[in-house]
PDB file of N, CA and C in Angstrom:
ATOM      1  N   MET A   1       0.820  -1.192   0.000  1.00  0.00           N
ATOM      2  CA  MET A   1       0.000   0.000   0.000  1.00  0.00           C
ATOM      3  C   MET A   1       0.866   1.259   0.000  1.00  0.00           C
ATOM      4  N   ALA A   2       1.973   1.225   0.693  1.00  0.00           N
ATOM      5  CA  ALA A   2       2.841   2.401   0.783  1.00  0.00           C
ATOM      6  C   ALA A   2       3.408   2.768  -0.589  1.00  0.00           C
ATOM      7  N   LYS A   3       3.696   1.787  -1.407  1.00  0.00           N
ATOM      8  CA  LYS A   3       4.248   2.069  -2.732  1.00  0.00           C
ATOM      9  C   LYS A   3       3.278   2.871  -3.586  1.00  0.00           C
ATOM     10  N   LYS A   4       2.006   2.562  -3.536  1.00  0.00           N
ATOM     11  CA  LYS A   4       1.010   3.294  -4.313  1.00  0.00           C
ATOM     12  C   LYS A   4       0.940   4.745  -3.867  1.00  0.00           C
ATOM     13  N   GLU A   5       1.022   4.970  -2.576  1.00  0.00           N
ATOM     14  CA  GLU A   5       0.975   6.336  -2.062  1.00  0.00           C
ATOM     15  C   GLU A   5       2.176   7.136  -2.543  1.00  0.00           C
ATOM     16  N   VAL A   6       3.337   6.531  -2.533  1.00  0.00           N
ATOM     17  CA  VAL A   6       4.545   7.208  -2.990  1.00  0.00           C
ATOM     18  C   VAL A   6       4.443   7.498  -4.483  1.00  0.00           C
ATOM     19  N   GLN A   7       3.971   6.559  -5.259  1.00  0.00           N
ATOM     20  CA  GLN A   7       3.837   6.768  -6.691  1.00  0.00           C
ATOM     21  C   GLN A   7       2.843   7.871  -7.003  1.00  0.00           C
ATOM     22  N   VAL A   8       1.742   7.895  -6.313  1.00  0.00           N
ATOM     23  CA  VAL A   8       0.730   8.920  -6.540  1.00  0.00           C
ATOM     24  C   VAL A   8       1.287  10.286  -6.169  1.00  0.00           C
ATOM     25  N   GLU A   9       1.958  10.370  -5.027  1.00  0.00           N
ATOM     26  CA  GLU A   9       2.530  11.643  -4.586  1.00  0.00           C
ATOM     27  C   GLU A   9       3.607  12.103  -5.564  1.00  0.00           C
ATOM     28  N   TYR A  10       4.440  11.192  -6.024  1.00  0.00           N
ATOM     29  CA  TYR A  10       5.484  11.533  -6.983  1.00  0.00           C
ATOM     30  C   TYR A  10       4.877  12.046  -8.282  1.00  0.00           C
ATOM     31  N   LYS A  11       3.836  11.405  -8.753  1.00  0.00           N
ATOM     32  CA  LYS A  11       3.191  11.835  -9.991  1.00  0.00           C
ATOM     33  C   LYS A  11       2.604  13.229  -9.851  1.00  0.00           C
ATOM     34  N   VAL A  12       2.031  13.523  -8.698  1.00  0.00           N
ATOM     35  CA  VAL A  12       1.468  14.850  -8.456  1.00  0.00           C
ATOM     36  C   VAL A  12       2.584  15.883  -8.456  1.00  0.00           C
ATOM     37  N   LEU A  13       3.688  15.605  -7.759  1.00  0.00           N
ATOM     38  CA  LEU A  13       4.827  16.529  -7.729  1.00  0.00           C
ATOM     39  C   LEU A  13       5.420  16.707  -9.117  1.00  0.00           C
ATOM     40  N   ASN A  14       5.548  15.609  -9.840  1.00  0.00           N
ATOM     41  CA  ASN A  14       6.101  15.658 -11.187  1.00  0.00           C
ATOM     42  C   ASN A  14       5.183  16.461 -12.113  1.00  0.00           C
ATOM     43  N   THR A  15       3.895  16.280 -11.977  1.00  0.00           N
ATOM     44  CA  THR A  15       2.934  17.016 -12.783  1.00  0.00           C
ATOM     45  C   THR A  15       3.016  18.511 -12.483  1.00  0.00           C
ATOM     46  N   GLN A  16       3.116  18.853 -11.203  1.00  0.00           N
ATOM     47  CA  GLN A  16       3.237  20.262 -10.824  1.00  0.00           C
ATOM     48  C   GLN A  16       4.528  20.859 -11.364  1.00  0.00           C
ATOM     49  N   PHE A  17       5.613  20.115 -11.265  1.00  0.00           N
ATOM     50  CA  PHE A  17       6.903  20.576 -11.775  1.00  0.00           C
ATOM     51  C   PHE A  17       6.831  20.802 -13.281  1.00  0.00           C
ATOM     52  N   ASN A  18       6.329  19.816 -13.991  1.00  0.00           N
ATOM     53  CA  ASN A  18       6.229  19.933 -15.450  1.00  0.00           C
ATOM     54  C   ASN A  18       5.334  21.095 -15.857  1.00  0.00           C
ATOM     55  N   SER A  19       4.256  21.281 -15.136  1.00  0.00           N
ATOM     56  CA  SER A  19       3.350  22.386 -15.419  1.00  0.00           C
ATOM     57  C   SER A  19       4.053  23.729 -15.202  1.00  0.00           C
ATOM     58  N   GLY A  20       4.804  23.836 -14.112  1.00  0.00           N
ATOM     59  CA  GLY A  20       5.544  25.063 -13.824  1.00  0.00           C
ATOM     60  C   GLY A  20       6.589  25.361 -14.872  1.00  0.00           C
ATOM     61  N   ILE A  21       7.329  24.339 -15.285  1.00  0.00           N
ATOM     62  CA  ILE A  21       8.365  24.515 -16.317  1.00  0.00           C
ATOM     63  C   ILE A  21       7.722  24.907 -17.637  1.00  0.00           C
ATOM     64  N   LYS A  22       6.616  24.279 -17.965  1.00  0.00           N
ATOM     65  CA  LYS A  22       5.910  24.587 -19.212  1.00  0.00           C
ATOM     66  C   LYS A  22       5.420  26.037 -19.213  1.00  0.00           C
ATOM     67  N   ASP A  23       4.924  26.494 -18.071  1.00  0.00           N
ATOM     68  CA  ASP A  23       4.456  27.874 -17.934  1.00  0.00           C
ATOM     69  C   ASP A  23       5.616  28.856 -18.141  1.00  0.00           C
ATOM     70  N   ILE A  24       6.744  28.591 -17.517  1.00  0.00           N
ATOM     71  CA  ILE A  24       7.910  29.471 -17.649  1.00  0.00           C
ATOM     72  C   ILE A  24       8.420  29.468 -19.087  1.00  0.00           C
ATOM     73  N   THR A  25       8.447  28.312 -19.713  1.00  0.00           N
ATOM     74  CA  THR A  25       8.890  28.216 -21.104  1.00  0.00           C
ATOM     75  C   THR A  25       7.969  29.023 -22.015  1.00  0.00           C
ATOM     76  N   GLY A  26       6.688  28.964 -21.745  1.00  0.00           N
ATOM     77  CA  GLY A  26       5.722  29.758 -22.512  1.00  0.00           C
ATOM     78  C   GLY A  26       5.950  31.250 -22.334  1.00  0.00           C
ATOM     79  N   LYS A  27       6.237  31.651 -21.087  1.00  0.00           N
ATOM     80  CA  LYS A  27       6.509  33.062 -20.826  1.00  0.00           C
ATOM     81  C   LYS A  27       7.777  33.515 -21.544  1.00  0.00           C
ATOM     82  N   LEU A  28       8.806  32.667 -21.562  1.00  0.00           N
ATOM     83  CA  LEU A  28      10.041  33.009 -22.274  1.00  0.00           C
ATOM     84  C   LEU A  28       9.798  33.139 -23.774  1.00  0.00           C
ATOM     85  N   SER A  29       8.999  32.255 -24.311  1.00  0.00           N
ATOM     86  CA  SER A  29       8.671  32.306 -25.733  1.00  0.00           C
ATOM     87  C   SER A  29       7.933  33.596 -26.068  1.00  0.00           C
ATOM     88  N   THR A  30       6.964  33.951 -25.241  1.00  0.00           N
ATOM     89  CA  THR A  30       6.217  35.191 -25.443  1.00  0.00           C
ATOM     90  C   THR A  30       7.134  36.400 -25.342  1.00  0.00           C
ATOM     91  N   LEU A  31       8.023  36.373 -24.365  1.00  0.00           N
ATOM     92  CA  LEU A  31       8.977  37.461 -24.179  1.00  0.00           C
ATOM     93  C   LEU A  31       9.858  37.638 -25.412  1.00  0.00           C
ATOM     94  N   ASN A  32      10.331  36.530 -25.969  1.00  0.00           N
ATOM     95  CA  ASN A  32      11.176  36.602 -27.167  1.00  0.00           C
ATOM     96  C   ASN A  32      10.409  37.157 -28.368  1.00  0.00           C
ATOM     97  N   LYS A  33       9.162  36.745 -28.511  1.00  0.00           N
ATOM     98  CA  LYS A  33       8.345  37.251 -29.620  1.00  0.00           C
ATOM     99  C   LYS A  33       8.087  38.751 -29.468  1.00  0.00           C
ATOM    100  N   GLU A  34       7.783  39.164 -28.242  1.00  0.00           N
ATOM    101  CA  GLU A  34       7.552  40.588 -27.993  1.00  0.00           C
ATOM    102  C   GLU A  34       8.816  41.402 -28.267  1.00  0.00           C
ATOM    103  N   PHE A  35       9.957  40.851 -27.876  1.00  0.00           N
ATOM    104  CA  PHE A  35      11.222  41.555 -28.095  1.00  0.00           C
ATOM    105  C   PHE A  35      11.516  41.697 -29.589  1.00  0.00           C
ATOM    106  N   LYS A  36      11.297  40.643 -30.346  1.00  0.00           N
ATOM    107  CA  LYS A  36      11.528  40.720 -31.797  1.00  0.00           C
ATOM    108  C   LYS A  36      10.624  41.767 -32.432  1.00  0.00           C
ATOM    109  N   LEU A  37       9.381  41.799 -32.004  1.00  0.00           N
ATOM    110  CA  LEU A  37       8.444  42.789 -32.520  1.00  0.00           C
ATOM    111  C   LEU A  37       8.900  44.197 -32.133  1.00  0.00           C
ATOM    112  N   GLN A  38       9.317  44.360 -30.902  1.00  0.00           N
ATOM    113  CA  GLN A  38       9.801  45.659 -30.439  1.00  0.00           C
ATOM    114  C   GLN A  38      11.036  46.093 -31.231  1.00  0.00           C
ATOM    115  N   GLN A  39      11.959  45.178 -31.457  1.00  0.00           N
ATOM    116  CA  GLN A  39      13.171  45.504 -32.217  1.00  0.00           C
ATOM    117  C   GLN A  39      12.826  45.897 -33.652  1.00  0.00           C
ATOM    118  N   GLU A  40      11.891  45.190 -34.234  1.00  0.00           N
ATOM    119  CA  GLU A  40      11.478  45.492 -35.608  1.00  0.00           C
ATOM    120  C   GLU A  40      10.808  46.859 -35.664  1.00  0.00           C
ATOM    121  N   THR A  41       9.998  47.164 -34.675  1.00  0.00           N
ATOM    122  CA  THR A  41       9.314  48.455 -34.605  1.00  0.00           C
ATOM    123  C   THR A  41      10.315  49.592 -34.418  1.00  0.00           C
ATOM    124  N   MET A  42      11.330  49.347 -33.616  1.00  0.00           N
ATOM    125  CA  MET A  42      12.309  50.377 -33.289  1.00  0.00           C
ATOM    126  C   MET A  42      13.460  50.450 -34.289  1.00  0.00           C
ATOM    127  N   LYS A  43      13.485  49.560 -35.242  1.00  0.00           N
ATOM    128  CA  LYS A  43      14.608  49.418 -36.167  1.00  0.00           C
ATOM    129  C   LYS A  43      15.029  50.748 -36.806  1.00  0.00           C
ATOM    130  N   ASN A  44      14.086  51.479 -37.335  1.00  0.00           N
ATOM    131  CA  ASN A  44      14.425  52.701 -38.064  1.00  0.00           C
ATOM    132  C   ASN A  44      14.119  53.984 -37.299  1.00  0.00           C
ATOM    133  N   SER A  45      13.346  53.889 -36.233  1.00  0.00           N
ATOM    134  CA  SER A  45      12.890  55.117 -35.592  1.00  0.00           C
ATOM    135  C   SER A  45      13.498  55.393 -34.217  1.00  0.00           C
ATOM    136  N   ALA A  46      14.109  54.407 -33.591  1.00  0.00           N
ATOM    137  CA  ALA A  46      14.598  54.591 -32.229  1.00  0.00           C
ATOM    138  C   ALA A  46      16.107  54.829 -32.207  1.00  0.00           C
ATOM    139  N   SER A  47      16.534  55.474 -31.146  1.00  0.00           N
ATOM    140  CA  SER A  47      17.972  55.691 -30.967  1.00  0.00           C
ATOM    141  C   SER A  47      18.611  54.405 -30.457  1.00  0.00           C
ATOM    142  N   GLU A  48      19.920  54.358 -30.515  1.00  0.00           N
ATOM    143  CA  GLU A  48      20.638  53.179 -30.013  1.00  0.00           C
ATOM    144  C   GLU A  48      20.390  52.996 -28.515  1.00  0.00           C
ATOM    145  N   THR A  49      20.273  54.103 -27.803  1.00  0.00           N
ATOM    146  CA  THR A  49      20.010  54.038 -26.367  1.00  0.00           C
ATOM    147  C   THR A  49      18.670  53.370 -26.096  1.00  0.00           C
ATOM    148  N   GLU A  50      17.647  53.734 -26.838  1.00  0.00           N
ATOM    149  CA  GLU A  50      16.322  53.130 -26.665  1.00  0.00           C
ATOM    150  C   GLU A  50      16.355  51.642 -27.001  1.00  0.00           C
ATOM    151  N   LYS A  51      17.099  51.297 -28.045  1.00  0.00           N
ATOM    152  CA  LYS A  51      17.214  49.887 -28.420  1.00  0.00           C
ATOM    153  C   LYS A  51      17.899  49.092 -27.311  1.00  0.00           C
ATOM    154  N   LEU A  52      18.959  49.667 -26.751  1.00  0.00           N
ATOM    155  CA  LEU A  52      19.676  48.985 -25.678  1.00  0.00           C
ATOM    156  C   LEU A  52      18.845  48.897 -24.404  1.00  0.00           C
ATOM    157  N   GLU A  53      18.047  49.923 -24.143  1.00  0.00           N
ATOM    158  CA  GLU A  53      17.155  49.873 -22.984  1.00  0.00           C
ATOM    159  C   GLU A  53      16.127  48.752 -23.144  1.00  0.00           C
ATOM    160  N   GLY A  54      15.622  48.581 -24.353  1.00  0.00           N
ATOM    161  CA  GLY A  54      14.681  47.493 -24.626  1.00  0.00           C
ATOM    162  C   GLY A  54      15.332  46.138 -24.431  1.00  0.00           C
ATOM    163  N   LYS A  55      16.574  46.021 -24.885  1.00  0.00           N
ATOM    164  CA  LYS A  55      17.304  44.764 -24.736  1.00  0.00           C
ATOM    165  C   LYS A  55      17.583  44.482 -23.258  1.00  0.00           C
ATOM    166  N   LEU A  56      17.952  45.523 -22.507  1.00  0.00           N
ATOM    167  CA  LEU A  56      18.212  45.367 -21.082  1.00  0.00           C
ATOM    168  C   LEU A  56      16.949  44.920 -20.346  1.00  0.00           C
ATOM    169  N   GLU A  57      15.823  45.497 -20.697  1.00  0.00           N
ATOM    170  CA  GLU A  57      14.553  45.114 -20.081  1.00  0.00           C
ATOM    171  C   GLU A  57      14.245  43.643 -20.352  1.00  0.00           C
ATOM    172  N   LYS A  58      14.455  43.208 -21.592  1.00  0.00           N
ATOM    173  CA  LYS A  58      14.225  41.808 -21.949  1.00  0.00           C
ATOM    174  C   LYS A  58      15.147  40.888 -21.155  1.00  0.00           C
ATOM    175  N   LEU A  59      16.407  41.255 -21.059  1.00  0.00           N
ATOM    176  CA  LEU A  59      17.358  40.420 -20.332  1.00  0.00           C
ATOM    177  C   LEU A  59      17.019  40.329 -18.846  1.00  0.00           C
ATOM    178  N   ASN A  60      16.550  41.424 -18.274  1.00  0.00           N
ATOM    179  CA  ASN A  60      16.140  41.391 -16.869  1.00  0.00           C
ATOM    180  C   ASN A  60      14.939  40.477 -16.658  1.00  0.00           C
ATOM    181  N   LYS A  61      13.997  40.509 -17.590  1.00  0.00           N
ATOM    182  CA  LYS A  61      12.832  39.620 -17.495  1.00  0.00           C
ATOM    183  C   LYS A  61      13.258  38.165 -17.666  1.00  0.00           C
ATOM    184  N   GLU A  62      14.194  37.915 -18.591  1.00  0.00           N
ATOM    185  CA  GLU A  62      14.708  36.557 -18.783  1.00  0.00           C
ATOM    186  C   GLU A  62      15.398  36.070 -17.512  1.00  0.00           C
ATOM    187  N   LEU A  63      16.148  36.955 -16.880  1.00  0.00           N
ATOM    188  CA  LEU A  63      16.831  36.606 -15.642  1.00  0.00           C
ATOM    189  C   LEU A  63      15.821  36.226 -14.558  1.00  0.00           C
ATOM    190  N   ASP A  64      14.770  36.994 -14.429  1.00  0.00           N
ATOM    191  CA  ASP A  64      13.733  36.697 -13.433  1.00  0.00           C
ATOM    192  C   ASP A  64      13.087  35.339 -13.701  1.00  0.00           C
ATOM    193  N   LEU A  65      12.785  35.066 -14.965  1.00  0.00           N
ATOM    194  CA  LEU A  65      12.171  33.784 -15.309  1.00  0.00           C
ATOM    195  C   LEU A  65      13.150  32.629 -15.077  1.00  0.00           C
ATOM    196  N   SER A  66      14.417  32.857 -15.348  1.00  0.00           N
ATOM    197  CA  SER A  66      15.428  31.820 -15.116  1.00  0.00           C
ATOM    198  C   SER A  66      15.585  31.542 -13.630  1.00  0.00           C
ATOM    199  N   LYS A  67      15.517  32.579 -12.809  1.00  0.00           N
ATOM    200  CA  LYS A  67      15.566  32.391 -11.354  1.00  0.00           C
ATOM    201  C   LYS A  67      14.365  31.584 -10.889  1.00  0.00           C
ATOM    202  N   GLU A  68      13.210  31.889 -11.465  1.00  0.00           N
ATOM    203  CA  GLU A  68      11.984  31.162 -11.110  1.00  0.00           C
ATOM    204  C   GLU A  68      12.116  29.687 -11.488  1.00  0.00           C
ATOM    205  N   ARG A  69      12.664  29.428 -12.668  1.00  0.00           N
ATOM    206  CA  ARG A  69      12.858  28.046 -13.129  1.00  0.00           C
ATOM    207  C   ARG A  69      13.852  27.316 -12.227  1.00  0.00           C
ATOM    208  N   THR A  70      14.921  27.992 -11.843  1.00  0.00           N
ATOM    209  CA  THR A  70      15.930  27.390 -10.972  1.00  0.00           C
ATOM    210  C   THR A  70      15.338  27.053  -9.605  1.00  0.00           C
ATOM    211  N   LYS A  71      14.527  27.958  -9.065  1.00  0.00           N
ATOM    212  CA  LYS A  71      13.896  27.709  -7.768  1.00  0.00           C
ATOM    213  C   LYS A  71      12.927  26.538  -7.866  1.00  0.00           C
ATOM    214  N   LEU A  72      12.167  26.491  -8.930  1.00  0.00           N
ATOM    215  CA  LEU A  72      11.219  25.389  -9.128  1.00  0.00           C
ATOM    216  C   LEU A  72      11.965  24.054  -9.198  1.00  0.00           C
ATOM    217  N   THR A  73      13.079  24.044  -9.911  1.00  0.00           N
ATOM    218  CA  THR A  73      13.872  22.827 -10.035  1.00  0.00           C
ATOM    219  C   THR A  73      14.486  22.435  -8.696  1.00  0.00           C
ATOM    220  N   ALA A  74      15.017  23.407  -7.967  1.00  0.00           N
ATOM    221  CA  ALA A  74      15.607  23.121  -6.658  1.00  0.00           C
ATOM    222  C   ALA A  74      14.550  22.584  -5.692  1.00  0.00           C
ATOM    223  N   ASP A  75      13.366  23.162  -5.721  1.00  0.00           N
ATOM    224  CA  ASP A  75      12.278  22.683  -4.867  1.00  0.00           C
ATOM    225  C   ASP A  75      11.893  21.250  -5.221  1.00  0.00           C
ATOM    226  N   ALA A  76      11.871  20.945  -6.510  1.00  0.00           N
ATOM    227  CA  ALA A  76      11.526  19.589  -6.952  1.00  0.00           C
ATOM    228  C   ALA A  76      12.591  18.593  -6.499  1.00  0.00           C
ATOM    229  N   VAL A  77      13.844  18.993  -6.556  1.00  0.00           N
ATOM    230  CA  VAL A  77      14.925  18.111  -6.105  1.00  0.00           C
ATOM    231  C   VAL A  77      14.800  17.856  -4.610  1.00  0.00           C
ATOM    232  N   GLU A  78      14.526  18.901  -3.853  1.00  0.00           N
ATOM    233  CA  GLU A  78      14.368  18.741  -2.399  1.00  0.00           C
ATOM    234  C   GLU A  78      13.190  17.816  -2.072  1.00  0.00           C
ATOM    235  N   MET A  79      12.100  17.983  -2.784  1.00  0.00           N
ATOM    236  CA  MET A  79      10.938  17.125  -2.550  1.00  0.00           C
ATOM    237  C   MET A  79      11.263  15.685  -2.899  1.00  0.00           C
ATOM    238  N   ALA A  80      12.027  15.492  -3.971  1.00  0.00           N
ATOM    239  CA  ALA A  80      12.394  14.124  -4.372  1.00  0.00           C
ATOM    240  C   ALA A  80      13.332  13.491  -3.337  1.00  0.00           C
ATOM    241  N   LYS A  81      14.202  14.288  -2.738  1.00  0.00           N
ATOM    242  CA  LYS A  81      15.099  13.759  -1.708  1.00  0.00           C
ATOM    243  C   LYS A  81      14.344  13.312  -0.468  1.00  0.00           C
ATOM    244  N   LYS A  82      13.247  14.002  -0.172  1.00  0.00           N
ATOM    245  CA  LYS A  82      12.456  13.669   1.008  1.00  0.00           C
ATOM    246  C   LYS A  82      11.689  12.364   0.832  1.00  0.00           C
ATOM    247  N   GLN A  83      11.482  11.970  -0.409  1.00  0.00           N
ATOM    248  CA  GLN A  83      10.713  10.763  -0.680  1.00  0.00           C
ATOM    249  C   GLN A  83      11.488   9.570  -0.250  1.00  0.00           C
TER     250      GLN A  83
END
């Protein structure tokens, strides 16, 4: 009986982890698409400073999402160790 409980709990944790990673990956994809659109829009009309500010903003958002992904992964590892 204990094995079934562990398997069910593991599947729930794994499902939550996969869902979280999928969500972050989707956000990164959206961020990249928005950045490409912004760069295309700014191509001929914006100054280099504005272009670099846009790139910096994108990189900061990517960093935040990467931190979120790292925390999610670390939490999943800790939960797996407790099993």
